[in-house]
């Protein structure tokens, strides 16, 4: 019998205090409980209950890492 894949919920959060303030990170919901339990005022959730890790990573990094649009190369014209 096949086992159904375990659904993992992802959380995107931002550090609001300390030297890493403004940094966004991704973790599982279980990891978030531990992180928030240690110091509840240090981080804030941006979004939770994300079912796709890629979507969570994209949300955390914004446009950083996206491909840059390139200008078309001009081809010389011979007359």
PDB file of N, CA and C in Angstrom:
ATOM      1  N   UNK A   1       0.835  -1.167   0.000  1.00  0.00           N
ATOM      2  CA  UNK A   1       0.000   0.000   0.000  1.00  0.00           C
ATOM      3  C   UNK A   1       0.888   1.241   0.000  1.00  0.00           C
ATOM      4  N   UNK A   2       0.512   2.209  -0.795  1.00  0.00           N
ATOM      5  CA  UNK A   2       1.269   3.459  -0.876  1.00  0.00           C
ATOM      6  C   UNK A   2       0.940   4.374   0.288  1.00  0.00           C
ATOM      7  N   UNK A   3       1.957   5.054   0.734  1.00  0.00           N
ATOM      8  CA  UNK A   3       1.738   6.075   1.760  1.00  0.00           C
ATOM      9  C   UNK A   3       1.445   7.390   1.061  1.00  0.00           C
ATOM     10  N   UNK A   4       0.489   8.114   1.570  1.00  0.00           N
ATOM     11  CA  UNK A   4       0.218   9.421   0.983  1.00  0.00           C
ATOM     12  C   UNK A   4       1.314  10.383   1.437  1.00  0.00           C
ATOM     13  N   UNK A   5       1.715  11.291   0.546  1.00  0.00           N
ATOM     14  CA  UNK A   5       2.779  12.223   0.928  1.00  0.00           C
ATOM     15  C   UNK A   5       2.323  13.130   2.061  1.00  0.00           C
ATOM     16  N   UNK A   6       3.238  13.384   2.982  1.00  0.00           N
ATOM     17  CA  UNK A   6       2.939  14.237   4.120  1.00  0.00           C
ATOM     18  C   UNK A   6       2.907  15.700   3.654  1.00  0.00           C
ATOM     19  N   UNK A   7       1.849  16.379   3.965  1.00  0.00           N
ATOM     20  CA  UNK A   7       1.712  17.785   3.579  1.00  0.00           C
ATOM     21  C   UNK A   7       2.437  18.636   4.609  1.00  0.00           C
ATOM     22  N   UNK A   8       3.339  19.456   4.141  1.00  0.00           N
ATOM     23  CA  UNK A   8       4.088  20.348   5.016  1.00  0.00           C
ATOM     24  C   UNK A   8       3.602  21.767   4.784  1.00  0.00           C
ATOM     25  N   UNK A   9       3.305  22.444   5.854  1.00  0.00           N
ATOM     26  CA  UNK A   9       2.898  23.841   5.782  1.00  0.00           C
ATOM     27  C   UNK A   9       4.138  24.706   5.990  1.00  0.00           C
ATOM     28  N   UNK A  10       4.274  25.758   5.201  1.00  0.00           N
ATOM     29  CA  UNK A  10       5.419  26.639   5.262  1.00  0.00           C
ATOM     30  C   UNK A  10       5.014  28.008   5.791  1.00  0.00           C
ATOM     31  N   UNK A  11       5.965  28.677   6.429  1.00  0.00           N
ATOM     32  CA  UNK A  11       5.746  30.002   7.015  1.00  0.00           C
ATOM     33  C   UNK A  11       6.844  30.931   6.523  1.00  0.00           C
ATOM     34  N   UNK A  12       6.461  32.141   6.123  1.00  0.00           N
ATOM     35  CA  UNK A  12       7.431  33.184   5.785  1.00  0.00           C
ATOM     36  C   UNK A  12       7.346  34.214   6.899  1.00  0.00           C
ATOM     37  N   UNK A  13       8.499  34.532   7.482  1.00  0.00           N
ATOM     38  CA  UNK A  13       8.520  35.495   8.575  1.00  0.00           C
ATOM     39  C   UNK A  13       9.657  36.482   8.389  1.00  0.00           C
ATOM     40  N   UNK A  14       9.551  37.590   9.113  1.00  0.00           N
ATOM     41  CA  UNK A  14      10.551  38.649   9.036  1.00  0.00           C
ATOM     42  C   UNK A  14      11.090  38.933  10.426  1.00  0.00           C
ATOM     43  N   UNK A  15      12.408  39.099  10.536  1.00  0.00           N
ATOM     44  CA  UNK A  15      13.032  39.477  11.796  1.00  0.00           C
ATOM     45  C   UNK A  15      12.827  40.976  11.975  1.00  0.00           C
ATOM     46  N   UNK A  16      12.324  41.370  13.148  1.00  0.00           N
ATOM     47  CA  UNK A  16      12.011  42.787  13.362  1.00  0.00           C
ATOM     48  C   UNK A  16      12.960  43.486  14.329  1.00  0.00           C
ATOM     49  N   UNK A  17      13.792  42.739  15.055  1.00  0.00           N
ATOM     50  CA  UNK A  17      14.754  43.360  15.973  1.00  0.00           C
ATOM     51  C   UNK A  17      16.126  42.755  15.769  1.00  0.00           C
ATOM     52  N   UNK A  18      17.117  43.449  16.257  1.00  0.00           N
ATOM     53  CA  UNK A  18      18.483  42.938  16.206  1.00  0.00           C
ATOM     54  C   UNK A  18      19.191  43.283  14.906  1.00  0.00           C
ATOM     55  N   UNK A  19      20.404  42.761  14.752  1.00  0.00           N
ATOM     56  CA  UNK A  19      21.221  43.109  13.586  1.00  0.00           C
ATOM     57  C   UNK A  19      20.667  42.576  12.267  1.00  0.00           C
ATOM     58  N   UNK A  20      19.800  41.582  12.325  1.00  0.00           N
ATOM     59  CA  UNK A  20      19.236  41.021  11.098  1.00  0.00           C
ATOM     60  C   UNK A  20      17.821  41.527  10.831  1.00  0.00           C
ATOM     61  N   UNK A  21      17.455  42.637  11.413  1.00  0.00           N
ATOM     62  CA  UNK A  21      16.116  43.210  11.226  1.00  0.00           C
ATOM     63  C   UNK A  21      15.851  43.443   9.745  1.00  0.00           C
ATOM     64  N   UNK A  22      14.660  43.073   9.308  1.00  0.00           N
ATOM     65  CA  UNK A  22      14.273  43.232   7.912  1.00  0.00           C
ATOM     66  C   UNK A  22      14.518  42.005   7.061  1.00  0.00           C
ATOM     67  N   UNK A  23      15.262  41.032   7.583  1.00  0.00           N
ATOM     68  CA  UNK A  23      15.553  39.829   6.833  1.00  0.00           C
ATOM     69  C   UNK A  23      14.348  38.893   6.853  1.00  0.00           C
ATOM     70  N   UNK A  24      13.973  38.377   5.682  1.00  0.00           N
ATOM     71  CA  UNK A  24      12.858  37.443   5.574  1.00  0.00           C
ATOM     72  C   UNK A  24      13.397  36.026   5.476  1.00  0.00           C
ATOM     73  N   UNK A  25      12.673  35.090   6.092  1.00  0.00           N
ATOM     74  CA  UNK A  25      13.092  33.695   6.110  1.00  0.00           C
ATOM     75  C   UNK A  25      11.894  32.774   5.919  1.00  0.00           C
ATOM     76  N   UNK A  26      12.194  31.510   5.602  1.00  0.00           N
ATOM     77  CA  UNK A  26      11.171  30.492   5.402  1.00  0.00           C
ATOM     78  C   UNK A  26      11.456  29.331   6.342  1.00  0.00           C
ATOM     79  N   UNK A  27      10.397  28.770   6.932  1.00  0.00           N
ATOM     80  CA  UNK A  27      10.544  27.575   7.751  1.00  0.00           C
ATOM     81  C   UNK A  27       9.227  26.806   7.733  1.00  0.00           C
ATOM     82  N   UNK A  28       9.247  25.610   8.276  1.00  0.00           N
ATOM     83  CA  UNK A  28       8.008  24.846   8.379  1.00  0.00           C
ATOM     84  C   UNK A  28       7.197  25.381   9.554  1.00  0.00           C
ATOM     85  N   UNK A  29       5.924  25.031   9.580  1.00  0.00           N
ATOM     86  CA  UNK A  29       5.057  25.487  10.667  1.00  0.00           C
ATOM     87  C   UNK A  29       5.550  24.966  12.017  1.00  0.00           C
ATOM     88  N   UNK A  30       6.058  23.736  12.045  1.00  0.00           N
ATOM     89  CA  UNK A  30       6.581  23.166  13.287  1.00  0.00           C
ATOM     90  C   UNK A  30       7.815  23.941  13.764  1.00  0.00           C
ATOM     91  N   UNK A  31       8.694  24.299  12.829  1.00  0.00           N
ATOM     92  CA  UNK A  31       9.877  25.080  13.193  1.00  0.00           C
ATOM     93  C   UNK A  31       9.482  26.466  13.686  1.00  0.00           C
ATOM     94  N   UNK A  32       8.433  27.035  13.089  1.00  0.00           N
ATOM     95  CA  UNK A  32       7.980  28.361  13.509  1.00  0.00           C
ATOM     96  C   UNK A  32       7.550  28.362  14.969  1.00  0.00           C
ATOM     97  N   UNK A  33       6.874  27.297  15.398  1.00  0.00           N
ATOM     98  CA  UNK A  33       6.430  27.215  16.794  1.00  0.00           C
ATOM     99  C   UNK A  33       7.625  27.304  17.743  1.00  0.00           C
ATOM    100  N   UNK A  34       8.714  26.655  17.386  1.00  0.00           N
ATOM    101  CA  UNK A  34       9.923  26.686  18.212  1.00  0.00           C
ATOM    102  C   UNK A  34      10.561  28.072  18.177  1.00  0.00           C
ATOM    103  N   UNK A  35      10.682  28.641  16.979  1.00  0.00           N
ATOM    104  CA  UNK A  35      11.301  29.963  16.824  1.00  0.00           C
ATOM    105  C   UNK A  35      10.509  31.013  17.594  1.00  0.00           C
ATOM    106  N   UNK A  36       9.199  31.007  17.429  1.00  0.00           N
ATOM    107  CA  UNK A  36       8.351  31.992  18.091  1.00  0.00           C
ATOM    108  C   UNK A  36       8.305  31.761  19.596  1.00  0.00           C
ATOM    109  N   UNK A  37       8.425  30.516  20.009  1.00  0.00           N
ATOM    110  CA  UNK A  37       8.406  30.205  21.442  1.00  0.00           C
ATOM    111  C   UNK A  37       9.631  30.721  22.181  1.00  0.00           C
ATOM    112  N   UNK A  38      10.777  30.764  21.499  1.00  0.00           N
ATOM    113  CA  UNK A  38      12.015  31.234  22.130  1.00  0.00           C
ATOM    114  C   UNK A  38      11.967  32.726  22.426  1.00  0.00           C
ATOM    115  N   UNK A  39      11.514  33.514  21.445  1.00  0.00           N
ATOM    116  CA  UNK A  39      11.442  34.968  21.616  1.00  0.00           C
ATOM    117  C   UNK A  39      10.288  35.494  20.769  1.00  0.00           C
ATOM    118  N   UNK A  40       9.092  35.557  21.334  1.00  0.00           N
ATOM    119  CA  UNK A  40       7.898  35.878  20.552  1.00  0.00           C
ATOM    120  C   UNK A  40       7.871  37.278  19.931  1.00  0.00           C
ATOM    121  N   UNK A  41       8.668  38.201  20.409  1.00  0.00           N
ATOM    122  CA  UNK A  41       8.637  39.559  19.880  1.00  0.00           C
ATOM    123  C   UNK A  41       9.738  39.855  18.871  1.00  0.00           C
ATOM    124  N   UNK A  42      10.577  38.877  18.574  1.00  0.00           N
ATOM    125  CA  UNK A  42      11.703  39.105  17.680  1.00  0.00           C
ATOM    126  C   UNK A  42      11.318  38.984  16.202  1.00  0.00           C
ATOM    127  N   UNK A  43      10.325  38.160  15.890  1.00  0.00           N
ATOM    128  CA  UNK A  43       9.928  37.904  14.503  1.00  0.00           C
ATOM    129  C   UNK A  43       8.433  38.094  14.333  1.00  0.00           C
ATOM    130  N   UNK A  44       8.036  38.389  13.083  1.00  0.00           N
ATOM    131  CA  UNK A  44       6.607  38.476  12.796  1.00  0.00           C
ATOM    132  C   UNK A  44       6.312  37.678  11.530  1.00  0.00           C
ATOM    133  N   UNK A  45       5.147  37.067  11.500  1.00  0.00           N
ATOM    134  CA  UNK A  45       4.740  36.269  10.346  1.00  0.00           C
ATOM    135  C   UNK A  45       4.293  37.193   9.225  1.00  0.00           C
ATOM    136  N   UNK A  46       4.802  36.920   8.043  1.00  0.00           N
ATOM    137  CA  UNK A  46       4.344  37.624   6.854  1.00  0.00           C
ATOM    138  C   UNK A  46       3.178  36.847   6.246  1.00  0.00           C
ATOM    139  N   UNK A  47       3.359  35.524   6.156  1.00  0.00           N
ATOM    140  CA  UNK A  47       2.293  34.659   5.648  1.00  0.00           C
ATOM    141  C   UNK A  47       2.525  33.247   6.152  1.00  0.00           C
ATOM    142  N   UNK A  48       1.447  32.554   6.493  1.00  0.00           N
ATOM    143  CA  UNK A  48       1.560  31.171   6.957  1.00  0.00           C
ATOM    144  C   UNK A  48       0.607  30.287   6.174  1.00  0.00           C
ATOM    145  N   UNK A  49       0.647  28.983   6.449  1.00  0.00           N
ATOM    146  CA  UNK A  49      -0.191  27.982   5.776  1.00  0.00           C
ATOM    147  C   UNK A  49       0.047  27.947   4.270  1.00  0.00           C
ATOM    148  N   UNK A  50       1.305  28.042   3.867  1.00  0.00           N
ATOM    149  CA  UNK A  50       1.673  27.944   2.456  1.00  0.00           C
ATOM    150  C   UNK A  50       2.001  26.479   2.191  1.00  0.00           C
ATOM    151  N   UNK A  51       1.352  25.890   1.191  1.00  0.00           N
ATOM    152  CA  UNK A  51       1.541  24.458   0.949  1.00  0.00           C
ATOM    153  C   UNK A  51       2.715  24.148   0.028  1.00  0.00           C
ATOM    154  N   UNK A  52       3.240  25.142  -0.695  1.00  0.00           N
ATOM    155  CA  UNK A  52       4.316  24.926  -1.644  1.00  0.00           C
ATOM    156  C   UNK A  52       5.585  25.661  -1.198  1.00  0.00           C
ATOM    157  N   UNK A  53       6.659  24.912  -1.020  1.00  0.00           N
ATOM    158  CA  UNK A  53       7.909  25.521  -0.560  1.00  0.00           C
ATOM    159  C   UNK A  53       8.442  26.550  -1.560  1.00  0.00           C
ATOM    160  N   UNK A  54       8.307  26.268  -2.849  1.00  0.00           N
ATOM    161  CA  UNK A  54       8.786  27.216  -3.860  1.00  0.00           C
ATOM    162  C   UNK A  54       8.045  28.550  -3.765  1.00  0.00           C
ATOM    163  N   UNK A  55       6.749  28.483  -3.533  1.00  0.00           N
ATOM    164  CA  UNK A  55       5.962  29.706  -3.383  1.00  0.00           C
ATOM    165  C   UNK A  55       6.435  30.495  -2.158  1.00  0.00           C
ATOM    166  N   UNK A  56       6.712  29.793  -1.072  1.00  0.00           N
ATOM    167  CA  UNK A  56       7.194  30.444   0.148  1.00  0.00           C
ATOM    168  C   UNK A  56       8.553  31.103  -0.088  1.00  0.00           C
ATOM    169  N   UNK A  57       9.448  30.403  -0.766  1.00  0.00           N
ATOM    170  CA  UNK A  57      10.775  30.969  -1.064  1.00  0.00           C
ATOM    171  C   UNK A  57      10.651  32.211  -1.936  1.00  0.00           C
ATOM    172  N   UNK A  58       9.786  32.161  -2.928  1.00  0.00           N
ATOM    173  CA  UNK A  58       9.584  33.308  -3.823  1.00  0.00           C
ATOM    174  C   UNK A  58       9.050  34.502  -3.041  1.00  0.00           C
ATOM    175  N   UNK A  59       8.115  34.252  -2.138  1.00  0.00           N
ATOM    176  CA  UNK A  59       7.555  35.327  -1.320  1.00  0.00           C
ATOM    177  C   UNK A  59       8.631  35.934  -0.419  1.00  0.00           C
ATOM    178  N   UNK A  60       9.490  35.098   0.134  1.00  0.00           N
ATOM    179  CA  UNK A  60      10.534  35.578   1.047  1.00  0.00           C
ATOM    180  C   UNK A  60      11.594  36.397   0.328  1.00  0.00           C
ATOM    181  N   UNK A  61      11.980  35.991  -0.866  1.00  0.00           N
ATOM    182  CA  UNK A  61      13.071  36.701  -1.538  1.00  0.00           C
ATOM    183  C   UNK A  61      12.597  37.821  -2.449  1.00  0.00           C
ATOM    184  N   UNK A  62      11.304  37.900  -2.741  1.00  0.00           N
ATOM    185  CA  UNK A  62      10.793  38.950  -3.620  1.00  0.00           C
ATOM    186  C   UNK A  62      11.323  38.767  -5.022  1.00  0.00           C
ATOM    187  N   UNK A  63      11.865  39.815  -5.596  1.00  0.00           N
ATOM    188  CA  UNK A  63      12.385  39.721  -6.958  1.00  0.00           C
ATOM    189  C   UNK A  63      13.861  39.355  -6.987  1.00  0.00           C
ATOM    190  N   UNK A  64      14.483  39.239  -5.821  1.00  0.00           N
ATOM    191  CA  UNK A  64      15.888  38.861  -5.771  1.00  0.00           C
ATOM    192  C   UNK A  64      16.045  37.454  -6.346  1.00  0.00           C
ATOM    193  N   UNK A  65      16.935  37.299  -7.281  1.00  0.00           N
ATOM    194  CA  UNK A  65      17.160  35.991  -7.893  1.00  0.00           C
ATOM    195  C   UNK A  65      16.399  35.785  -9.188  1.00  0.00           C
ATOM    196  N   UNK A  66      15.486  36.706  -9.529  1.00  0.00           N
ATOM    197  CA  UNK A  66      14.774  36.599 -10.800  1.00  0.00           C
ATOM    198  C   UNK A  66      15.726  36.893 -11.948  1.00  0.00           C
ATOM    199  N   UNK A  67      15.391  36.359 -13.109  1.00  0.00           N
ATOM    200  CA  UNK A  67      16.183  36.656 -14.287  1.00  0.00           C
ATOM    201  C   UNK A  67      15.993  38.110 -14.666  1.00  0.00           C
ATOM    202  N   UNK A  68      17.075  38.733 -15.048  1.00  0.00           N
ATOM    203  CA  UNK A  68      17.012  40.135 -15.449  1.00  0.00           C
ATOM    204  C   UNK A  68      16.651  40.226 -16.934  1.00  0.00           C
ATOM    205  N   UNK A  69      15.823  41.198 -17.261  1.00  0.00           N
ATOM    206  CA  UNK A  69      15.468  41.413 -18.663  1.00  0.00           C
ATOM    207  C   UNK A  69      16.688  41.959 -19.392  1.00  0.00           C
ATOM    208  N   UNK A  70      16.963  41.389 -20.522  1.00  0.00           N
ATOM    209  CA  UNK A  70      18.109  41.843 -21.312  1.00  0.00           C
ATOM    210  C   UNK A  70      17.621  42.630 -22.520  1.00  0.00           C
ATOM    211  N   UNK A  71      18.348  43.663 -22.839  1.00  0.00           N
ATOM    212  CA  UNK A  71      18.025  44.440 -24.030  1.00  0.00           C
ATOM    213  C   UNK A  71      18.415  43.644 -25.253  1.00  0.00           C
ATOM    214  N   UNK A  72      17.653  43.802 -26.304  1.00  0.00           N
ATOM    215  CA  UNK A  72      17.987  43.117 -27.549  1.00  0.00           C
ATOM    216  C   UNK A  72      19.314  43.631 -28.063  1.00  0.00           C
ATOM    217  N   UNK A  73      20.132  42.725 -28.526  1.00  0.00           N
ATOM    218  CA  UNK A  73      21.420  43.121 -29.101  1.00  0.00           C
ATOM    219  C   UNK A  73      21.161  43.737 -30.457  1.00  0.00           C
ATOM    220  N   UNK A  74      21.809  44.839 -30.700  1.00  0.00           N
ATOM    221  CA  UNK A  74      21.661  45.476 -32.010  1.00  0.00           C
ATOM    222  C   UNK A  74      22.554  44.773 -33.012  1.00  0.00           C
ATOM    223  N   UNK A  75      21.946  44.389 -34.098  1.00  0.00           N
ATOM    224  CA  UNK A  75      22.724  43.726 -35.149  1.00  0.00           C
ATOM    225  C   UNK A  75      23.147  44.768 -36.183  1.00  0.00           C
ATOM    226  N   UNK A  76      24.362  44.656 -36.590  1.00  0.00           N
ATOM    227  CA  UNK A  76      24.818  45.616 -37.598  1.00  0.00           C
ATOM    228  C   UNK A  76      24.064  45.396 -38.924  1.00  0.00           C
ATOM    229  N   UNK A  77      23.761  46.471 -39.599  1.00  0.00           N
ATOM    230  CA  UNK A  77      23.101  46.352 -40.908  1.00  0.00           C
ATOM    231  C   UNK A  77      24.126  46.759 -41.972  1.00  0.00           C
ATOM    232  N   UNK A  78      24.161  45.991 -42.993  1.00  0.00           N
ATOM    233  CA  UNK A  78      25.084  46.260 -44.092  1.00  0.00           C
ATOM    234  C   UNK A  78      24.292  46.787 -45.265  1.00  0.00           C
ATOM    235  N   UNK A  79      24.700  47.921 -45.748  1.00  0.00           N
ATOM    236  CA  UNK A  79      23.994  48.515 -46.878  1.00  0.00           C
ATOM    237  C   UNK A  79      24.822  48.494 -48.106  1.00  0.00           C
TER     238      UNK A  79
END
